[in-house]
Protein backbone atom coordinates (compact mmCIF):
# COMPACT_ATOMS: atom_id res chain seq x y z
CA MET A 1 0.25 -0.07 -0.25
CA SER A 2 1.47 3.44 -1.02
CA ASP A 3 1.86 6.13 1.81
CA SER A 4 -0.71 8.33 0.15
CA ALA A 5 -3.11 5.68 0.59
CA LYS A 6 -2.25 4.72 4.00
CA ARG A 7 -2.99 8.22 4.81
CA VAL A 8 -6.37 8.11 3.60
CA MET A 9 -6.91 5.33 5.56
CA ALA A 10 -5.88 6.73 8.75
CA VAL A 11 -8.52 9.53 8.22
CA TRP A 12 -11.03 7.03 7.11
CA VAL A 13 -11.19 5.56 10.18
CA SER A 14 -11.03 8.41 12.04
CA LEU A 15 -14.35 9.60 10.84
CA THR A 16 -17.65 9.38 12.29
CA THR A 17 -20.02 7.32 10.37
CA ALA A 18 -21.92 10.33 9.23
CA GLU A 19 -18.58 12.03 7.67
CA ARG A 20 -17.61 9.05 6.21
CA ALA A 21 -21.39 9.01 4.11
CA GLU A 22 -20.63 12.67 3.41
CA ALA A 23 -17.01 11.64 1.94
CA VAL A 24 -18.61 8.60 -0.06
CA GLN A 25 -21.17 11.25 -1.54
CA LEU A 26 -18.48 13.70 -2.35
CA ILE A 27 -16.00 11.17 -4.07
CA ASN A 28 -19.11 9.39 -6.01
CA GLU A 29 -20.01 13.18 -7.15
CA TYR A 30 -16.36 13.43 -8.20
CA GLN A 31 -16.02 9.94 -9.92
CA ASN A 32 -19.42 10.66 -11.78
CA ALA A 33 -18.34 14.13 -12.74
CA ASP A 34 -17.27 15.53 -16.38
CA GLU A 35 -13.24 16.99 -16.36
CA LYS A 36 -14.51 20.61 -15.66
CA LYS A 37 -16.74 19.65 -12.90
CA LYS A 38 -13.86 17.64 -11.29
CA LYS A 39 -11.50 20.59 -10.91
CA GLU A 40 -14.04 22.48 -9.28
CA ILE A 41 -14.72 20.00 -6.45
CA ALA A 42 -10.81 19.36 -6.02
CA LEU A 43 -10.25 23.12 -5.72
CA GLU A 44 -13.38 23.67 -3.66
CA SER A 45 -11.86 20.52 -1.36
CA ILE A 46 -8.40 21.99 -1.36
CA ASN A 47 -9.33 25.85 -0.33
CA GLU A 48 -11.38 24.36 2.38
CA SER A 49 -8.98 22.23 3.74
CA ARG A 50 -5.98 25.22 3.58
CA SER A 51 -8.62 27.60 5.35
CA LEU A 52 -8.69 25.51 8.11
CA VAL A 53 -5.13 24.36 8.44
CA LYS A 54 -4.09 28.22 8.51
CA SER A 55 -6.46 28.86 10.84
CA SER A 56 -5.27 26.57 13.26
CA THR A 57 -1.40 26.93 12.90
CA THR A 58 -1.43 30.62 13.41
CA MET A 59 1.73 31.39 15.85
CA ASN A 60 2.46 34.49 17.82
CA PHE A 61 5.97 34.93 18.39
CA GLY A 62 5.03 38.36 20.37
CA PRO A 63 6.45 39.90 23.33
CA LEU A 64 5.14 38.03 26.76
CA GLY A 65 4.47 39.54 29.76
CA GLY A 66 7.16 40.46 31.74
CA GLY A 67 9.41 41.78 28.97
CA CYS A 68 12.78 39.74 28.14
CA PRO A 69 14.68 38.00 30.96
CA TYR A 70 17.70 39.09 29.89
CA CYS A 71 17.28 42.93 29.63
CA GLY A 72 14.13 43.34 31.12
CA LYS A 73 12.48 45.14 28.08
């Protein structure tokens, strides 16, 4: 099994029954679509997943309360 297939399987087993049903519906829609619709579905899915990742990985490296432990500023 390829690494990509293993990652898909790992995500699949973590889904609820309702999420699996939704995924199957989306995959079937993708498989039965023409090439233009396939590109639209793929782009929409990628954009949605990127927005989820971007919002969950924001890091703030600003100063912490109390200032610098070395210089006190």
